[in-house]
Amino acid sequence: MSRITKLYEHLVTNHPDADEVRLTLREIHRIVRALPERAWRDVGWWANDPNDHHARRWLDAGFDVTEVNLTGQYVVFRRNVRGKKR
């Protein structure tokens, strides 16, 4: 299992009914046990690209990244259409 899969598990387990989740980069770092250096400095790393292995984790959990603030060191995940409960 990849480290970033732990983010998927966190979102699904701890935020099953949330429409929006705001996590600091430090929180994500603790969850995945080592956030890549690029994630701390490059907004593009957080793109909702289903071809990127890491992005696939939050997309599969039913979330899109809607805000990245590297200065404030946080990321906002918003429930996507695929993640809406019917």
PDB file of N, CA and C in Angstrom:
ATOM      1  N   MET A   1       0.858  -1.187   0.000  1.00  0.00           N
ATOM      2  CA  MET A   1       0.000   0.000   0.000  1.00  0.00           C
ATOM      3  C   MET A   1       0.894   1.237   0.000  1.00  0.00           C
ATOM      4  N   SER A   2       0.579   2.203  -0.852  1.00  0.00           N
ATOM      5  CA  SER A   2       1.358   3.435  -0.892  1.00  0.00           C
ATOM      6  C   SER A   2       1.004   4.312   0.308  1.00  0.00           C
ATOM      7  N   ARG A   3       1.931   5.166   0.659  1.00  0.00           N
ATOM      8  CA  ARG A   3       1.694   6.069   1.796  1.00  0.00           C
ATOM      9  C   ARG A   3       0.501   6.976   1.542  1.00  0.00           C
ATOM     10  N   ILE A   4       0.358   7.441   0.317  1.00  0.00           N
ATOM     11  CA  ILE A   4      -0.714   8.389   0.012  1.00  0.00           C
ATOM     12  C   ILE A   4      -2.091   7.719   0.127  1.00  0.00           C
ATOM     13  N   THR A   5      -2.136   6.393   0.069  1.00  0.00           N
ATOM     14  CA  THR A   5      -3.395   5.678   0.268  1.00  0.00           C
ATOM     15  C   THR A   5      -3.954   5.971   1.658  1.00  0.00           C
ATOM     16  N   LYS A   6      -3.101   6.283   2.596  1.00  0.00           N
ATOM     17  CA  LYS A   6      -3.554   6.623   3.950  1.00  0.00           C
ATOM     18  C   LYS A   6      -4.425   7.886   3.939  1.00  0.00           C
ATOM     19  N   LEU A   7      -4.191   8.781   2.972  1.00  0.00           N
ATOM     20  CA  LEU A   7      -5.047   9.961   2.847  1.00  0.00           C
ATOM     21  C   LEU A   7      -6.455   9.535   2.421  1.00  0.00           C
ATOM     22  N   TYR A   8      -6.541   8.613   1.481  1.00  0.00           N
ATOM     23  CA  TYR A   8      -7.835   8.056   1.072  1.00  0.00           C
ATOM     24  C   TYR A   8      -8.560   7.495   2.297  1.00  0.00           C
ATOM     25  N   GLU A   9      -7.862   6.656   3.056  1.00  0.00           N
ATOM     26  CA  GLU A   9      -8.457   6.039   4.243  1.00  0.00           C
ATOM     27  C   GLU A   9      -8.922   7.092   5.249  1.00  0.00           C
ATOM     28  N   HIS A  10      -8.117   8.118   5.433  1.00  0.00           N
ATOM     29  CA  HIS A  10      -8.475   9.184   6.373  1.00  0.00           C
ATOM     30  C   HIS A  10      -9.752   9.902   5.933  1.00  0.00           C
ATOM     31  N   LEU A  11      -9.823  10.272   4.669  1.00  0.00           N
ATOM     32  CA  LEU A  11     -10.992  10.993   4.177  1.00  0.00           C
ATOM     33  C   LEU A  11     -12.255  10.133   4.268  1.00  0.00           C
ATOM     34  N   VAL A  12     -12.165   8.879   3.886  1.00  0.00           N
ATOM     35  CA  VAL A  12     -13.322   7.986   3.900  1.00  0.00           C
ATOM     36  C   VAL A  12     -13.761   7.674   5.327  1.00  0.00           C
ATOM     37  N   THR A  13     -12.809   7.410   6.201  1.00  0.00           N
ATOM     38  CA  THR A  13     -13.122   6.992   7.570  1.00  0.00           C
ATOM     39  C   THR A  13     -13.516   8.149   8.480  1.00  0.00           C
ATOM     40  N   ASN A  14     -12.777   9.240   8.407  1.00  0.00           N
ATOM     41  CA  ASN A  14     -12.979  10.347   9.340  1.00  0.00           C
ATOM     42  C   ASN A  14     -13.913  11.441   8.850  1.00  0.00           C
ATOM     43  N   HIS A  15     -14.221  11.443   7.566  1.00  0.00           N
ATOM     44  CA  HIS A  15     -15.070  12.507   7.004  1.00  0.00           C
ATOM     45  C   HIS A  15     -16.120  11.935   6.043  1.00  0.00           C
ATOM     46  N   PRO A  16     -16.828  10.881   6.448  1.00  0.00           N
ATOM     47  CA  PRO A  16     -17.753  10.219   5.509  1.00  0.00           C
ATOM     48  C   PRO A  16     -18.926  11.092   5.068  1.00  0.00           C
ATOM     49  N   ASP A  17     -19.328  12.055   5.893  1.00  0.00           N
ATOM     50  CA  ASP A  17     -20.483  12.886   5.565  1.00  0.00           C
ATOM     51  C   ASP A  17     -20.124  14.350   5.299  1.00  0.00           C
ATOM     52  N   ALA A  18     -18.842  14.648   5.321  1.00  0.00           N
ATOM     53  CA  ALA A  18     -18.405  16.040   5.152  1.00  0.00           C
ATOM     54  C   ALA A  18     -18.492  16.467   3.694  1.00  0.00           C
ATOM     55  N   ASP A  19     -18.975  17.684   3.487  1.00  0.00           N
ATOM     56  CA  ASP A  19     -18.953  18.263   2.139  1.00  0.00           C
ATOM     57  C   ASP A  19     -17.603  18.911   1.863  1.00  0.00           C
ATOM     58  N   GLU A  20     -16.925  19.328   2.937  1.00  0.00           N
ATOM     59  CA  GLU A  20     -15.642  20.014   2.794  1.00  0.00           C
ATOM     60  C   GLU A  20     -14.741  19.627   3.963  1.00  0.00           C
ATOM     61  N   VAL A  21     -13.470  19.422   3.650  1.00  0.00           N
ATOM     62  CA  VAL A  21     -12.476  19.075   4.667  1.00  0.00           C
ATOM     63  C   VAL A  21     -11.251  19.954   4.441  1.00  0.00           C
ATOM     64  N   ARG A  22     -10.848  20.650   5.495  1.00  0.00           N
ATOM     65  CA  ARG A  22      -9.647  21.485   5.433  1.00  0.00           C
ATOM     66  C   ARG A  22      -8.585  20.824   6.294  1.00  0.00           C
ATOM     67  N   LEU A  23      -7.451  20.491   5.679  1.00  0.00           N
ATOM     68  CA  LEU A  23      -6.348  19.875   6.396  1.00  0.00           C
ATOM     69  C   LEU A  23      -5.083  20.684   6.180  1.00  0.00           C
ATOM     70  N   THR A  24      -4.294  20.828   7.220  1.00  0.00           N
ATOM     71  CA  THR A  24      -3.013  21.494   7.062  1.00  0.00           C
ATOM     72  C   THR A  24      -2.037  20.515   6.412  1.00  0.00           C
ATOM     73  N   LEU A  25      -0.992  21.065   5.828  1.00  0.00           N
ATOM     74  CA  LEU A  25       0.016  20.198   5.231  1.00  0.00           C
ATOM     75  C   LEU A  25       0.672  19.325   6.295  1.00  0.00           C
ATOM     76  N   ARG A  26       0.824  19.858   7.491  1.00  0.00           N
ATOM     77  CA  ARG A  26       1.389  19.059   8.599  1.00  0.00           C
ATOM     78  C   ARG A  26       0.468  17.886   8.949  1.00  0.00           C
ATOM     79  N   GLU A  27      -0.835  18.136   8.972  1.00  0.00           N
ATOM     80  CA  GLU A  27      -1.775  17.046   9.245  1.00  0.00           C
ATOM     81  C   GLU A  27      -1.674  15.969   8.167  1.00  0.00           C
ATOM     82  N   ILE A  28      -1.632  16.396   6.909  1.00  0.00           N
ATOM     83  CA  ILE A  28      -1.521  15.434   5.809  1.00  0.00           C
ATOM     84  C   ILE A  28      -0.196  14.692   5.897  1.00  0.00           C
ATOM     85  N   HIS A  29       0.855  15.415   6.236  1.00  0.00           N
ATOM     86  CA  HIS A  29       2.184  14.810   6.400  1.00  0.00           C
ATOM     87  C   HIS A  29       2.131  13.698   7.451  1.00  0.00           C
ATOM     88  N   ARG A  30       1.453  13.963   8.558  1.00  0.00           N
ATOM     89  CA  ARG A  30       1.316  12.945   9.619  1.00  0.00           C
ATOM     90  C   ARG A  30       0.466  11.765   9.144  1.00  0.00           C
ATOM     91  N   ILE A  31      -0.589  12.057   8.414  1.00  0.00           N
ATOM     92  CA  ILE A  31      -1.485  10.996   7.933  1.00  0.00           C
ATOM     93  C   ILE A  31      -0.749  10.054   6.982  1.00  0.00           C
ATOM     94  N   VAL A  32      -0.002  10.614   6.043  1.00  0.00           N
ATOM     95  CA  VAL A  32       0.667   9.792   5.021  1.00  0.00           C
ATOM     96  C   VAL A  32       2.083   9.390   5.436  1.00  0.00           C
ATOM     97  N   ARG A  33       2.537   9.927   6.534  1.00  0.00           N
ATOM     98  CA  ARG A  33       3.855   9.615   7.096  1.00  0.00           C
ATOM     99  C   ARG A  33       5.009  10.024   6.193  1.00  0.00           C
ATOM    100  N   ALA A  34       4.851  11.082   5.469  1.00  0.00           N
ATOM    101  CA  ALA A  34       5.923  11.669   4.661  1.00  0.00           C
ATOM    102  C   ALA A  34       5.342  12.249   3.380  1.00  0.00           C
ATOM    103  N   LEU A  35       4.886  13.476   3.456  1.00  0.00           N
ATOM    104  CA  LEU A  35       4.370  14.172   2.283  1.00  0.00           C
ATOM    105  C   LEU A  35       5.554  14.572   1.406  1.00  0.00           C
ATOM    106  N   PRO A  36       5.497  14.277   0.114  1.00  0.00           N
ATOM    107  CA  PRO A  36       6.623  14.604  -0.769  1.00  0.00           C
ATOM    108  C   PRO A  36       6.961  16.098  -0.736  1.00  0.00           C
ATOM    109  N   GLU A  37       8.224  16.404  -0.902  1.00  0.00           N
ATOM    110  CA  GLU A  37       8.701  17.792  -0.883  1.00  0.00           C
ATOM    111  C   GLU A  37       7.935  18.648  -1.887  1.00  0.00           C
ATOM    112  N   ARG A  38       7.660  18.101  -3.059  1.00  0.00           N
ATOM    113  CA  ARG A  38       6.963  18.872  -4.095  1.00  0.00           C
ATOM    114  C   ARG A  38       5.585  19.339  -3.622  1.00  0.00           C
ATOM    115  N   ALA A  39       4.906  18.558  -2.785  1.00  0.00           N
ATOM    116  CA  ALA A  39       3.574  18.916  -2.287  1.00  0.00           C
ATOM    117  C   ALA A  39       3.619  20.173  -1.419  1.00  0.00           C
ATOM    118  N   TRP A  40       4.759  20.430  -0.799  1.00  0.00           N
ATOM    119  CA  TRP A  40       4.925  21.600   0.076  1.00  0.00           C
ATOM    120  C   TRP A  40       5.206  22.879  -0.716  1.00  0.00           C
ATOM    121  N   ARG A  41       5.658  22.737  -1.960  1.00  0.00           N
ATOM    122  CA  ARG A  41       6.108  23.923  -2.697  1.00  0.00           C
ATOM    123  C   ARG A  41       5.459  24.126  -4.066  1.00  0.00           C
ATOM    124  N   ASP A  42       4.670  23.140  -4.536  1.00  0.00           N
ATOM    125  CA  ASP A  42       4.127  23.219  -5.893  1.00  0.00           C
ATOM    126  C   ASP A  42       2.614  22.965  -5.880  1.00  0.00           C
ATOM    127  N   VAL A  43       1.854  24.015  -6.138  1.00  0.00           N
ATOM    128  CA  VAL A  43       0.389  23.901  -6.172  1.00  0.00           C
ATOM    129  C   VAL A  43      -0.040  22.843  -7.190  1.00  0.00           C
ATOM    130  N   GLY A  44       0.711  22.707  -8.266  1.00  0.00           N
ATOM    131  CA  GLY A  44       0.383  21.738  -9.307  1.00  0.00           C
ATOM    132  C   GLY A  44       0.329  20.299  -8.816  1.00  0.00           C
ATOM    133  N   TRP A  45       1.059  19.987  -7.743  1.00  0.00           N
ATOM    134  CA  TRP A  45       1.043  18.629  -7.193  1.00  0.00           C
ATOM    135  C   TRP A  45      -0.365  18.263  -6.742  1.00  0.00           C
ATOM    136  N   TRP A  46      -1.141  19.260  -6.354  1.00  0.00           N
ATOM    137  CA  TRP A  46      -2.484  19.056  -5.812  1.00  0.00           C
ATOM    138  C   TRP A  46      -3.572  19.061  -6.888  1.00  0.00           C
ATOM    139  N   ALA A  47      -3.195  19.089  -8.154  1.00  0.00           N
ATOM    140  CA  ALA A  47      -4.180  19.095  -9.247  1.00  0.00           C
ATOM    141  C   ALA A  47      -5.030  17.824  -9.196  1.00  0.00           C
ATOM    142  N   ASN A  48      -6.270  17.949  -9.579  1.00  0.00           N
ATOM    143  CA  ASN A  48      -7.216  16.825  -9.578  1.00  0.00           C
ATOM    144  C   ASN A  48      -7.075  16.007 -10.864  1.00  0.00           C
ATOM    145  N   ASP A  49      -5.875  15.558 -11.121  1.00  0.00           N
ATOM    146  CA  ASP A  49      -5.580  14.806 -12.340  1.00  0.00           C
ATOM    147  C   ASP A  49      -5.705  13.309 -12.062  1.00  0.00           C
ATOM    148  N   PRO A  50      -6.732  12.663 -12.614  1.00  0.00           N
ATOM    149  CA  PRO A  50      -6.939  11.240 -12.336  1.00  0.00           C
ATOM    150  C   PRO A  50      -5.805  10.347 -12.834  1.00  0.00           C
ATOM    151  N   ASN A  51      -4.925  10.896 -13.663  1.00  0.00           N
ATOM    152  CA  ASN A  51      -3.769  10.127 -14.135  1.00  0.00           C
ATOM    153  C   ASN A  51      -2.611  10.135 -13.139  1.00  0.00           C
ATOM    154  N   ASP A  52      -2.681  11.008 -12.141  1.00  0.00           N
ATOM    155  CA  ASP A  52      -1.656  11.050 -11.098  1.00  0.00           C
ATOM    156  C   ASP A  52      -2.061  10.110  -9.971  1.00  0.00           C
ATOM    157  N   HIS A  53      -1.163   9.201  -9.646  1.00  0.00           N
ATOM    158  CA  HIS A  53      -1.439   8.202  -8.605  1.00  0.00           C
ATOM    159  C   HIS A  53      -1.895   8.849  -7.303  1.00  0.00           C
ATOM    160  N   HIS A  54      -1.215   9.903  -6.876  1.00  0.00           N
ATOM    161  CA  HIS A  54      -1.558  10.527  -5.592  1.00  0.00           C
ATOM    162  C   HIS A  54      -2.924  11.211  -5.652  1.00  0.00           C
ATOM    163  N   ALA A  55      -3.240  11.902  -6.741  1.00  0.00           N
ATOM    164  CA  ALA A  55      -4.539  12.576  -6.866  1.00  0.00           C
ATOM    165  C   ALA A  55      -5.681  11.566  -6.901  1.00  0.00           C
ATOM    166  N   ARG A  56      -5.401  10.418  -7.464  1.00  0.00           N
ATOM    167  CA  ARG A  56      -6.421   9.365  -7.554  1.00  0.00           C
ATOM    168  C   ARG A  56      -6.950   8.992  -6.165  1.00  0.00           C
ATOM    169  N   ARG A  57      -6.110   9.116  -5.140  1.00  0.00           N
ATOM    170  CA  ARG A  57      -6.526   8.749  -3.774  1.00  0.00           C
ATOM    171  C   ARG A  57      -7.660   9.635  -3.279  1.00  0.00           C
ATOM    172  N   TRP A  58      -7.532  10.958  -3.393  1.00  0.00           N
ATOM    173  CA  TRP A  58      -8.620  11.813  -2.903  1.00  0.00           C
ATOM    174  C   TRP A  58      -9.801  11.797  -3.864  1.00  0.00           C
ATOM    175  N   LEU A  59      -9.534  11.629  -5.151  1.00  0.00           N
ATOM    176  CA  LEU A  59     -10.641  11.529  -6.107  1.00  0.00           C
ATOM    177  C   LEU A  59     -11.468  10.272  -5.833  1.00  0.00           C
ATOM    178  N   ASP A  60     -10.792   9.150  -5.584  1.00  0.00           N
ATOM    179  CA  ASP A  60     -11.500   7.903  -5.281  1.00  0.00           C
ATOM    180  C   ASP A  60     -12.247   7.976  -3.951  1.00  0.00           C
ATOM    181  N   ALA A  61     -11.778   8.817  -3.050  1.00  0.00           N
ATOM    182  CA  ALA A  61     -12.461   9.002  -1.763  1.00  0.00           C
ATOM    183  C   ALA A  61     -13.688   9.893  -1.922  1.00  0.00           C
ATOM    184  N   GLY A  62     -13.863  10.475  -3.118  1.00  0.00           N
ATOM    185  CA  GLY A  62     -15.035  11.310  -3.381  1.00  0.00           C
ATOM    186  C   GLY A  62     -14.796  12.789  -3.191  1.00  0.00           C
ATOM    187  N   PHE A  63     -13.529  13.221  -3.259  1.00  0.00           N
ATOM    188  CA  PHE A  63     -13.194  14.625  -3.045  1.00  0.00           C
ATOM    189  C   PHE A  63     -12.365  15.186  -4.184  1.00  0.00           C
ATOM    190  N   ASP A  64     -12.514  16.479  -4.396  1.00  0.00           N
ATOM    191  CA  ASP A  64     -11.631  17.262  -5.261  1.00  0.00           C
ATOM    192  C   ASP A  64     -10.890  18.241  -4.369  1.00  0.00           C
ATOM    193  N   VAL A  65      -9.680  18.593  -4.758  1.00  0.00           N
ATOM    194  CA  VAL A  65      -8.983  19.684  -4.085  1.00  0.00           C
ATOM    195  C   VAL A  65      -9.525  20.969  -4.701  1.00  0.00           C
ATOM    196  N   THR A  66     -10.045  21.857  -3.850  1.00  0.00           N
ATOM    197  CA  THR A  66     -10.621  23.105  -4.350  1.00  0.00           C
ATOM    198  C   THR A  66      -9.807  24.325  -3.952  1.00  0.00           C
ATOM    199  N   GLU A  67      -8.905  24.160  -2.997  1.00  0.00           N
ATOM    200  CA  GLU A  67      -8.065  25.276  -2.578  1.00  0.00           C
ATOM    201  C   GLU A  67      -6.755  24.734  -2.035  1.00  0.00           C
ATOM    202  N   VAL A  68      -5.671  25.352  -2.471  1.00  0.00           N
ATOM    203  CA  VAL A  68      -4.343  25.033  -1.946  1.00  0.00           C
ATOM    204  C   VAL A  68      -3.708  26.349  -1.546  1.00  0.00           C
ATOM    205  N   ASN A  69      -3.313  26.460  -0.309  1.00  0.00           N
ATOM    206  CA  ASN A  69      -2.650  27.664   0.180  1.00  0.00           C
ATOM    207  C   ASN A  69      -1.314  27.240   0.763  1.00  0.00           C
ATOM    208  N   LEU A  70      -0.274  27.379  -0.043  1.00  0.00           N
ATOM    209  CA  LEU A  70       1.051  26.961   0.410  1.00  0.00           C
ATOM    210  C   LEU A  70       1.624  27.915   1.447  1.00  0.00           C
ATOM    211  N   THR A  71       1.256  29.186   1.388  1.00  0.00           N
ATOM    212  CA  THR A  71       1.707  30.141   2.402  1.00  0.00           C
ATOM    213  C   THR A  71       1.063  29.811   3.747  1.00  0.00           C
ATOM    214  N   GLY A  72      -0.235  29.566   3.735  1.00  0.00           N
ATOM    215  CA  GLY A  72      -0.954  29.199   4.947  1.00  0.00           C
ATOM    216  C   GLY A  72      -0.823  27.715   5.284  1.00  0.00           C
ATOM    217  N   GLN A  73      -0.250  26.964   4.363  1.00  0.00           N
ATOM    218  CA  GLN A  73       0.016  25.528   4.516  1.00  0.00           C
ATOM    219  C   GLN A  73      -1.241  24.705   4.808  1.00  0.00           C
ATOM    220  N   TYR A  74      -2.239  24.872   3.935  1.00  0.00           N
ATOM    221  CA  TYR A  74      -3.433  24.036   4.056  1.00  0.00           C
ATOM    222  C   TYR A  74      -4.013  23.717   2.680  1.00  0.00           C
ATOM    223  N   VAL A  75      -4.834  22.676   2.666  1.00  0.00           N
ATOM    224  CA  VAL A  75      -5.516  22.214   1.464  1.00  0.00           C
ATOM    225  C   VAL A  75      -6.982  22.002   1.822  1.00  0.00           C
ATOM    226  N   VAL A  76      -7.875  22.396   0.920  1.00  0.00           N
ATOM    227  CA  VAL A  76      -9.301  22.179   1.120  1.00  0.00           C
ATOM    228  C   VAL A  76      -9.772  21.143   0.103  1.00  0.00           C
ATOM    229  N   PHE A  77     -10.409  20.099   0.626  1.00  0.00           N
ATOM    230  CA  PHE A  77     -11.007  19.053  -0.187  1.00  0.00           C
ATOM    231  C   PHE A  77     -12.520  19.256  -0.152  1.00  0.00           C
ATOM    232  N   ARG A  78     -13.158  19.185  -1.305  1.00  0.00           N
ATOM    233  CA  ARG A  78     -14.616  19.359  -1.377  1.00  0.00           C
ATOM    234  C   ARG A  78     -15.215  18.109  -2.010  1.00  0.00           C
ATOM    235  N   ARG A  79     -16.305  17.646  -1.450  1.00  0.00           N
ATOM    236  CA  ARG A  79     -16.990  16.456  -1.962  1.00  0.00           C
ATOM    237  C   ARG A  79     -17.333  16.677  -3.425  1.00  0.00           C
ATOM    238  N   ASN A  80     -16.990  15.712  -4.264  1.00  0.00           N
ATOM    239  CA  ASN A  80     -17.288  15.842  -5.684  1.00  0.00           C
ATOM    240  C   ASN A  80     -18.553  15.068  -6.037  1.00  0.00           C
ATOM    241  N   VAL A  81     -18.994  15.181  -7.277  1.00  0.00           N
ATOM    242  CA  VAL A  81     -20.232  14.546  -7.721  1.00  0.00           C
ATOM    243  C   VAL A  81     -20.162  13.035  -7.509  1.00  0.00           C
ATOM    244  N   ARG A  82     -18.999  12.435  -7.780  1.00  0.00           N
ATOM    245  CA  ARG A  82     -18.846  10.996  -7.587  1.00  0.00           C
ATOM    246  C   ARG A  82     -18.972  10.608  -6.124  1.00  0.00           C
ATOM    247  N   GLY A  83     -18.646  11.547  -5.217  1.00  0.00           N
ATOM    248  CA  GLY A  83     -18.675  11.251  -3.794  1.00  0.00           C
ATOM    249  C   GLY A  83     -19.993  11.582  -3.112  1.00  0.00           C
ATOM    250  N   LYS A  84     -20.921  12.175  -3.845  1.00  0.00           N
ATOM    251  CA  LYS A  84     -22.222  12.535  -3.251  1.00  0.00           C
ATOM    252  C   LYS A  84     -23.018  11.279  -2.954  1.00  0.00           C
ATOM    253  N   LYS A  85     -23.607  11.262  -1.790  1.00  0.00           N
ATOM    254  CA  LYS A  85     -24.458  10.119  -1.422  1.00  0.00           C
ATOM    255  C   LYS A  85     -25.798  10.269  -2.114  1.00  0.00           C
ATOM    256  N   ARG A  86     -26.313   9.189  -2.570  1.00  0.00           N
ATOM    257  CA  ARG A  86     -27.599   9.203  -3.269  1.00  0.00           C
ATOM    258  C   ARG A  86     -28.710   8.874  -2.322  1.00  0.00           C
TER     259      ARG A  86
END
